[in-house]
C-alpha atoms as a PDB file:
ATOM      1  CA  UNK A   1     107.605 169.764 125.274  1.00  0.00           C
ATOM      2  CA  UNK A   2     109.110 172.312 125.741  1.00  0.00           C
ATOM      3  CA  UNK A   3     107.676 174.335 128.579  1.00  0.00           C
ATOM      4  CA  UNK A   4     107.113 169.925 130.156  1.00  0.00           C
ATOM      5  CA  UNK A   5     110.383 169.015 129.482  1.00  0.00           C
ATOM      6  CA  UNK A   6     111.146 173.211 132.019  1.00  0.00           C
ATOM      7  CA  UNK A   7     108.923 172.293 133.970  1.00  0.00           C
ATOM      8  CA  UNK A   8     109.651 169.262 135.557  1.00  0.00           C
ATOM      9  CA  UNK A   9     113.528 168.748 135.067  1.00  0.00           C
ATOM     10  CA  UNK A  10     114.799 172.539 135.571  1.00  0.00           C
ATOM     11  CA  UNK A  11     111.665 174.364 138.174  1.00  0.00           C
ATOM     12  CA  UNK A  12     110.776 171.011 139.847  1.00  0.00           C
ATOM     13  CA  UNK A  13     114.232 169.340 140.116  1.00  0.00           C
ATOM     14  CA  UNK A  14     115.953 171.653 140.928  1.00  0.00           C
ATOM     15  CA  UNK A  15     113.460 172.877 144.066  1.00  0.00           C
ATOM     16  CA  UNK A  16     114.119 169.177 144.695  1.00  0.00           C
ATOM     17  CA  UNK A  17     117.520 168.904 144.907  1.00  0.00           C
ATOM     18  CA  UNK A  18     117.836 173.434 146.769  1.00  0.00           C
ATOM     19  CA  UNK A  19     115.514 172.258 149.587  1.00  0.00           C
ATOM     20  CA  UNK A  20     118.047 168.907 150.009  1.00  0.00           C
ATOM     21  CA  UNK A  21     120.927 170.194 150.135  1.00  0.00           C
ATOM     22  CA  UNK A  22     119.348 173.519 152.539  1.00  0.00           C
ATOM     23  CA  UNK A  23     117.652 171.886 154.694  1.00  0.00           C
ATOM     24  CA  UNK A  24     120.846 169.657 155.134  1.00  0.00           C
ATOM     25  CA  UNK A  25     119.714 166.131 154.792  1.00  0.00           C
ATOM     26  CA  UNK A  26     121.637 163.065 155.790  1.00  0.00           C
ATOM     27  CA  UNK A  27     123.987 161.433 152.247  1.00  0.00           C
ATOM     28  CA  UNK A  28     121.564 158.398 151.689  1.00  0.00           C
ATOM     29  CA  UNK A  29     118.137 160.989 151.698  1.00  0.00           C
ATOM     30  CA  UNK A  30     119.902 163.377 149.557  1.00  0.00           C
ATOM     31  CA  UNK A  31     121.524 161.104 146.781  1.00  0.00           C
ATOM     32  CA  UNK A  32     118.206 159.877 147.465  1.00  0.00           C
ATOM     33  CA  UNK A  33     115.868 162.923 146.356  1.00  0.00           C
ATOM     34  CA  UNK A  34     118.500 164.132 144.106  1.00  0.00           C
ATOM     35  CA  UNK A  35     117.848 160.951 141.834  1.00  0.00           C
ATOM     36  CA  UNK A  36     114.312 160.980 142.375  1.00  0.00           C
ATOM     37  CA  UNK A  37     114.947 165.297 140.498  1.00  0.00           C
ATOM     38  CA  UNK A  38     116.418 163.534 137.815  1.00  0.00           C
ATOM     39  CA  UNK A  39     113.702 161.069 136.819  1.00  0.00           C
ATOM     40  CA  UNK A  40     110.533 161.902 133.761  1.00  0.00           C
ATOM     41  CA  UNK A  41     106.337 163.058 135.304  1.00  0.00           C
ATOM     42  CA  UNK A  42     104.791 160.023 137.639  1.00  0.00           C
ATOM     43  CA  UNK A  43     102.981 157.366 135.610  1.00  0.00           C
ATOM     44  CA  UNK A  44      99.706 158.707 136.848  1.00  0.00           C
ATOM     45  CA  UNK A  45     100.507 161.914 134.915  1.00  0.00           C
ATOM     46  CA  UNK A  46      97.986 160.547 131.777  1.00  0.00           C
ATOM     47  CA  UNK A  47      94.910 158.728 133.537  1.00  0.00           C
ATOM     48  CA  UNK A  48      94.626 161.505 136.398  1.00  0.00           C
ATOM     49  CA  UNK A  49      94.965 164.530 133.649  1.00  0.00           C
ATOM     50  CA  UNK A  50      92.484 162.364 131.896  1.00  0.00           C
ATOM     51  CA  UNK A  51      90.202 161.757 136.066  1.00  0.00           C
ATOM     52  CA  UNK A  52      89.766 165.420 136.805  1.00  0.00           C
ATOM     53  CA  UNK A  53      89.668 167.002 133.494  1.00  0.00           C
ATOM     54  CA  UNK A  54      93.316 168.416 131.943  1.00  0.00           C
ATOM     55  CA  UNK A  55      94.155 169.104 128.475  1.00  0.00           C
ATOM     56  CA  UNK A  56      94.714 165.067 127.519  1.00  0.00           C
ATOM     57  CA  UNK A  57      97.033 165.874 124.089  1.00  0.00           C
ATOM     58  CA  UNK A  58      98.884 168.490 126.436  1.00  0.00           C
ATOM     59  CA  UNK A  59     100.181 165.740 129.007  1.00  0.00           C
ATOM     60  CA  UNK A  60     100.124 163.332 126.321  1.00  0.00           C
ATOM     61  CA  UNK A  61     102.951 165.279 124.410  1.00  0.00           C
ATOM     62  CA  UNK A  62     104.630 166.880 127.746  1.00  0.00           C
ATOM     63  CA  UNK A  63     104.734 163.397 129.189  1.00  0.00           C
ATOM     64  CA  UNK A  64     106.247 161.592 126.035  1.00  0.00           C
ATOM     65  CA  UNK A  65     108.956 164.790 125.373  1.00  0.00           C
ATOM     66  CA  UNK A  66     109.683 164.662 129.525  1.00  0.00           C
ATOM     67  CA  UNK A  67     110.486 161.121 129.144  1.00  0.00           C
ATOM     68  CA  UNK A  68     112.196 161.415 125.313  1.00  0.00           C
ATOM     69  CA  UNK A  69     114.430 164.132 127.371  1.00  0.00           C
ATOM     70  CA  UNK A  70     114.669 161.456 129.682  1.00  0.00           C
ATOM     71  CA  UNK A  71     117.365 159.965 128.548  1.00  0.00           C
ATOM     72  CA  UNK A  72     120.291 163.111 128.328  1.00  0.00           C
ATOM     73  CA  UNK A  73     118.812 165.167 131.642  1.00  0.00           C
ATOM     74  CA  UNK A  74     118.570 161.089 133.724  1.00  0.00           C
ATOM     75  CA  UNK A  75     122.781 160.215 132.647  1.00  0.00           C
ATOM     76  CA  UNK A  76     123.561 165.075 133.181  1.00  0.00           C
ATOM     77  CA  UNK A  77     121.995 165.116 136.655  1.00  0.00           C
ATOM     78  CA  UNK A  78     123.351 161.850 137.780  1.00  0.00           C
ATOM     79  CA  UNK A  79     126.718 162.417 136.219  1.00  0.00           C
ATOM     80  CA  UNK A  80     126.536 166.007 137.719  1.00  0.00           C
ATOM     81  CA  UNK A  81     125.884 164.958 141.556  1.00  0.00           C
ATOM     82  CA  UNK A  82     126.774 160.789 141.373  1.00  0.00           C
ATOM     83  CA  UNK A  83     129.328 159.848 138.834  1.00  0.00           C
ATOM     84  CA  UNK A  84     132.172 158.826 140.864  1.00  0.00           C
ATOM     85  CA  UNK A  85     130.151 155.557 142.142  1.00  0.00           C
ATOM     86  CA  UNK A  86     131.734 152.077 140.442  1.00  0.00           C
ATOM     87  CA  UNK A  87     129.491 151.229 137.102  1.00  0.00           C
ATOM     88  CA  UNK A  88     127.221 154.653 137.286  1.00  0.00           C
ATOM     89  CA  UNK A  89     126.361 154.479 133.502  1.00  0.00           C
ATOM     90  CA  UNK A  90     126.206 151.155 132.671  1.00  0.00           C
ATOM     91  CA  UNK A  91     123.838 150.579 136.227  1.00  0.00           C
ATOM     92  CA  UNK A  92     122.491 153.634 134.569  1.00  0.00           C
ATOM     93  CA  UNK A  93     121.448 153.233 131.033  1.00  0.00           C
ATOM     94  CA  UNK A  94     120.331 149.571 131.925  1.00  0.00           C
ATOM     95  CA  UNK A  95     117.908 150.623 134.175  1.00  0.00           C
ATOM     96  CA  UNK A  96     116.319 152.884 131.771  1.00  0.00           C
ATOM     97  CA  UNK A  97     116.182 150.477 129.155  1.00  0.00           C
ATOM     98  CA  UNK A  98     114.692 147.988 131.874  1.00  0.00           C
ATOM     99  CA  UNK A  99     111.786 150.842 133.515  1.00  0.00           C
ATOM    100  CA  UNK A 100     111.410 153.247 129.721  1.00  0.00           C
ATOM    101  CA  UNK A 101     112.462 151.979 126.337  1.00  0.00           C
ATOM    102  CA  UNK A 102     111.096 147.768 127.434  1.00  0.00           C
ATOM    103  CA  UNK A 103     107.507 149.208 128.577  1.00  0.00           C
ATOM    104  CA  UNK A 104     106.846 150.921 125.706  1.00  0.00           C
ATOM    105  CA  UNK A 105     107.810 148.404 123.254  1.00  0.00           C
ATOM    106  CA  UNK A 106     105.588 146.270 125.611  1.00  0.00           C
ATOM    107  CA  UNK A 107     102.986 149.347 125.118  1.00  0.00           C
ATOM    108  CA  UNK A 108     103.686 148.794 121.578  1.00  0.00           C
ATOM    109  CA  UNK A 109     102.609 145.793 120.882  1.00  0.00           C
ATOM    110  CA  UNK A 110      98.974 145.921 123.325  1.00  0.00           C
ATOM    111  CA  UNK A 111      98.363 148.096 121.194  1.00  0.00           C
ATOM    112  CA  UNK A 112      99.408 146.337 117.959  1.00  0.00           C
ATOM    113  CA  UNK A 113      96.767 142.406 119.098  1.00  0.00           C
ATOM    114  CA  UNK A 114      94.396 145.576 120.583  1.00  0.00           C
ATOM    115  CA  UNK A 115      95.378 143.848 123.522  1.00  0.00           C
ATOM    116  CA  UNK A 116      94.549 147.219 125.968  1.00  0.00           C
ATOM    117  CA  UNK A 117      91.056 147.124 124.364  1.00  0.00           C
ATOM    118  CA  UNK A 118      90.859 143.694 126.775  1.00  0.00           C
ATOM    119  CA  UNK A 119      92.452 145.481 129.486  1.00  0.00           C
ATOM    120  CA  UNK A 120      91.153 149.344 129.927  1.00  0.00           C
ATOM    121  CA  UNK A 121      88.445 148.069 132.428  1.00  0.00           C
ATOM    122  CA  UNK A 122      91.107 147.372 134.363  1.00  0.00           C
ATOM    123  CA  UNK A 123      93.536 150.362 134.009  1.00  0.00           C
ATOM    124  CA  UNK A 124      92.585 151.125 137.771  1.00  0.00           C
ATOM    125  CA  UNK A 125      92.967 148.601 138.798  1.00  0.00           C
ATOM    126  CA  UNK A 126      95.914 147.681 137.514  1.00  0.00           C
ATOM    127  CA  UNK A 127      97.673 151.333 138.395  1.00  0.00           C
ATOM    128  CA  UNK A 128      96.160 151.191 142.047  1.00  0.00           C
ATOM    129  CA  UNK A 129      97.920 147.615 143.036  1.00  0.00           C
ATOM    130  CA  UNK A 130     101.263 149.368 141.309  1.00  0.00           C
ATOM    131  CA  UNK A 131     101.498 151.383 143.616  1.00  0.00           C
ATOM    132  CA  UNK A 132     100.444 150.224 146.470  1.00  0.00           C
ATOM    133  CA  UNK A 133     103.067 147.236 145.556  1.00  0.00           C
ATOM    134  CA  UNK A 134     105.739 150.220 144.677  1.00  0.00           C
ATOM    135  CA  UNK A 135     104.916 151.860 148.277  1.00  0.00           C
ATOM    136  CA  UNK A 136     104.532 147.815 150.073  1.00  0.00           C
ATOM    137  CA  UNK A 137     108.040 147.067 148.980  1.00  0.00           C
ATOM    138  CA  UNK A 138     109.500 150.095 149.965  1.00  0.00           C
ATOM    139  CA  UNK A 139     108.259 150.595 153.495  1.00  0.00           C
ATOM    140  CA  UNK A 140     109.118 147.013 153.585  1.00  0.00           C
ATOM    141  CA  UNK A 141     112.346 147.793 153.519  1.00  0.00           C
ATOM    142  CA  UNK A 142     112.177 150.997 155.176  1.00  0.00           C
ATOM    143  CA  UNK A 143     110.533 149.655 158.305  1.00  0.00           C
ATOM    144  CA  UNK A 144     112.669 150.057 161.008  1.00  0.00           C
ATOM    145  CA  UNK A 145     112.419 154.671 160.031  1.00  0.00           C
ATOM    146  CA  UNK A 146     108.659 154.691 159.703  1.00  0.00           C
ATOM    147  CA  UNK A 147     107.939 152.461 162.881  1.00  0.00           C
ATOM    148  CA  UNK A 148     111.044 153.786 165.350  1.00  0.00           C
ATOM    149  CA  UNK A 149     111.962 156.707 163.686  1.00  0.00           C
ATOM    150  CA  UNK A 150     109.995 158.598 161.632  1.00  0.00           C
ATOM    151  CA  UNK A 151     110.704 162.191 163.318  1.00  0.00           C
ATOM    152  CA  UNK A 152     113.969 162.037 161.428  1.00  0.00           C
ATOM    153  CA  UNK A 153     111.564 162.150 157.713  1.00  0.00           C
ATOM    154  CA  UNK A 154     110.471 165.724 159.073  1.00  0.00           C
ATOM    155  CA  UNK A 155     112.576 167.349 156.074  1.00  0.00           C
ATOM    156  CA  UNK A 156     111.702 164.369 153.889  1.00  0.00           C
ATOM    157  CA  UNK A 157     107.978 165.461 154.139  1.00  0.00           C
ATOM    158  CA  UNK A 158     108.880 169.734 154.160  1.00  0.00           C
ATOM    159  CA  UNK A 159     110.423 169.206 150.621  1.00  0.00           C
ATOM    160  CA  UNK A 160     107.272 166.581 150.021  1.00  0.00           C
ATOM    161  CA  UNK A 161     104.530 169.142 150.749  1.00  0.00           C
ATOM    162  CA  UNK A 162     107.043 172.291 149.091  1.00  0.00           C
ATOM    163  CA  UNK A 163     107.265 170.275 146.137  1.00  0.00           C
ATOM    164  CA  UNK A 164     103.920 169.592 145.576  1.00  0.00           C
ATOM    165  CA  UNK A 165     101.461 171.647 147.378  1.00  0.00           C
ATOM    166  CA  UNK A 166     102.848 175.087 147.172  1.00  0.00           C
ATOM    167  CA  UNK A 167     104.356 174.999 143.651  1.00  0.00           C
ATOM    168  CA  UNK A 168     101.518 173.124 141.911  1.00  0.00           C
ATOM    169  CA  UNK A 169      99.620 176.345 143.775  1.00  0.00           C
ATOM    170  CA  UNK A 170     102.448 178.758 141.726  1.00  0.00           C
ATOM    171  CA  UNK A 171     102.306 176.852 138.764  1.00  0.00           C
ATOM    172  CA  UNK A 172      98.649 177.650 138.910  1.00  0.00           C
ATOM    173  CA  UNK A 173      98.604 181.816 139.520  1.00  0.00           C
ATOM    174  CA  UNK A 174     101.638 181.549 136.069  1.00  0.00           C
ATOM    175  CA  UNK A 175      99.014 180.226 133.849  1.00  0.00           C
ATOM    176  CA  UNK A 176      96.897 181.868 134.998  1.00  0.00           C
ATOM    177  CA  UNK A 177      98.309 185.409 134.564  1.00  0.00           C
ATOM    178  CA  UNK A 178      98.987 184.154 131.283  1.00  0.00           C
ATOM    179  CA  UNK A 179      95.699 184.057 130.380  1.00  0.00           C
ATOM    180  CA  UNK A 180      95.962 180.028 129.796  1.00  0.00           C
ATOM    181  CA  UNK A 181      92.824 177.698 129.852  1.00  0.00           C
ATOM    182  CA  UNK A 182      91.997 175.710 132.745  1.00  0.00           C
ATOM    183  CA  UNK A 183      92.614 171.745 131.668  1.00  0.00           C
ATOM    184  CA  UNK A 184      95.608 172.585 129.428  1.00  0.00           C
ATOM    185  CA  UNK A 185      96.715 175.225 133.407  1.00  0.00           C
ATOM    186  CA  UNK A 186      95.489 171.018 135.216  1.00  0.00           C
ATOM    187  CA  UNK A 187      97.522 169.279 132.834  1.00  0.00           C
ATOM    188  CA  UNK A 188     100.706 171.988 133.569  1.00  0.00           C
ATOM    189  CA  UNK A 189     100.175 171.640 137.928  1.00  0.00           C
ATOM    190  CA  UNK A 190     100.845 166.804 137.127  1.00  0.00           C
ATOM    191  CA  UNK A 191     103.162 167.316 134.565  1.00  0.00           C
ATOM    192  CA  UNK A 192     105.043 170.284 137.638  1.00  0.00           C
ATOM    193  CA  UNK A 193     104.494 168.302 140.463  1.00  0.00           C
ATOM    194  CA  UNK A 194     105.418 164.933 139.733  1.00  0.00           C
ATOM    195  CA  UNK A 195     108.161 162.295 139.579  1.00  0.00           C
ATOM    196  CA  UNK A 196     107.936 158.664 138.694  1.00  0.00           C
ATOM    197  CA  UNK A 197     109.039 157.992 141.971  1.00  0.00           C
ATOM    198  CA  UNK A 198     109.502 154.034 141.326  1.00  0.00           C
ATOM    199  CA  UNK A 199     111.714 154.698 138.738  1.00  0.00           C
ATOM    200  CA  UNK A 200     113.572 156.554 140.940  1.00  0.00           C
ATOM    201  CA  UNK A 201     112.519 153.850 143.308  1.00  0.00           C
ATOM    202  CA  UNK A 202     114.461 152.389 141.604  1.00  0.00           C
ATOM    203  CA  UNK A 203     117.494 153.307 141.186  1.00  0.00           C
ATOM    204  CA  UNK A 204     118.253 154.380 144.613  1.00  0.00           C
ATOM    205  CA  UNK A 205     118.094 151.163 145.115  1.00  0.00           C
ATOM    206  CA  UNK A 206     120.091 149.664 142.653  1.00  0.00           C
ATOM    207  CA  UNK A 207     122.870 152.522 142.441  1.00  0.00           C
ATOM    208  CA  UNK A 208     122.551 153.962 146.128  1.00  0.00           C
ATOM    209  CA  UNK A 209     121.184 151.914 148.881  1.00  0.00           C
ATOM    210  CA  UNK A 210     117.772 150.611 150.419  1.00  0.00           C
ATOM    211  CA  UNK A 211     117.961 153.504 152.747  1.00  0.00           C
ATOM    212  CA  UNK A 212     117.399 156.290 149.891  1.00  0.00           C
ATOM    213  CA  UNK A 213     114.231 155.485 148.519  1.00  0.00           C
ATOM    214  CA  UNK A 214     112.777 156.679 151.676  1.00  0.00           C
ATOM    215  CA  UNK A 215     112.434 160.068 149.316  1.00  0.00           C
ATOM    216  CA  UNK A 216     111.180 157.914 146.529  1.00  0.00           C
ATOM    217  CA  UNK A 217     108.511 156.165 149.572  1.00  0.00           C
ATOM    218  CA  UNK A 218     107.438 160.088 150.903  1.00  0.00           C
ATOM    219  CA  UNK A 219     107.382 162.035 147.522  1.00  0.00           C
ATOM    220  CA  UNK A 220     104.592 159.002 146.404  1.00  0.00           C
ATOM    221  CA  UNK A 221     102.230 159.455 149.767  1.00  0.00           C
ATOM    222  CA  UNK A 222     102.479 163.095 148.994  1.00  0.00           C
ATOM    223  CA  UNK A 223     101.750 162.565 145.454  1.00  0.00           C
ATOM    224  CA  UNK A 224      99.031 161.458 145.580  1.00  0.00           C
ATOM    225  CA  UNK A 225      97.220 164.080 148.464  1.00  0.00           C
ATOM    226  CA  UNK A 226      97.556 166.045 146.441  1.00  0.00           C
ATOM    227  CA  UNK A 227      95.890 164.123 143.108  1.00  0.00           C
ATOM    228  CA  UNK A 228      93.648 163.762 145.683  1.00  0.00           C
ATOM    229  CA  UNK A 229      93.095 167.012 146.775  1.00  0.00           C
ATOM    230  CA  UNK A 230      92.606 169.007 143.154  1.00  0.00           C
ATOM    231  CA  UNK A 231      89.792 166.387 142.980  1.00  0.00           C
ATOM    232  CA  UNK A 232      88.547 167.686 145.666  1.00  0.00           C
ATOM    233  CA  UNK A 233      89.403 171.329 144.408  1.00  0.00           C
ATOM    234  CA  UNK A 234      87.261 170.836 141.355  1.00  0.00           C
ATOM    235  CA  UNK A 235      84.931 169.227 142.144  1.00  0.00           C
ATOM    236  CA  UNK A 236      83.803 173.117 144.574  1.00  0.00           C
ATOM    237  CA  UNK A 237      84.770 175.175 141.620  1.00  0.00           C
ATOM    238  CA  UNK A 238      81.788 173.765 139.059  1.00  0.00           C
END
């Protein structure tokens, strides 16, 4: 539990914030990355752990502990950097309830009434369409940036690459050095290189502006590319 929190909030979140300041991003993009750094891991960690042959128990425990930690770390990080925004605290806790607590309660209802057994075959489709809706909405809201000024996204692409591919490489290297099993290493790579970009985009759109959702979009794209890379790497290593 502690390792997952350290990986996701301290190492990944800290890297995102440090790189954002170091590359001197425009203010709206900087705020977008700060919000991204404050949120827990991507929901896709669980299905991708299963898909990539990771340790599902490790991922579930790490995932749940990170989401419980979100009620401490997300307000702390955002208060540290964004505390001057009017009505910030009330909006933040309302979003935490809407995006974490309510989905958790709904998931318990699905399990209690055995509804999850009926929809398990459609789980992949639900996940794919969820990604599509999030990316389509954010790209649509920022179409001028993506279509007319794509070169302004260079620094965002660098940050997204470094905090997925490069950070994932160092996480793998570290845990191999201390002789962790490969399935557990896969779980830690996923927990240490992904952020819930949909959650971050919702926070950014509510608290800041449309422009501040762009970092979440770029990160989502790189996260999916990184997952594909891990799958290819796994197949060639078998």
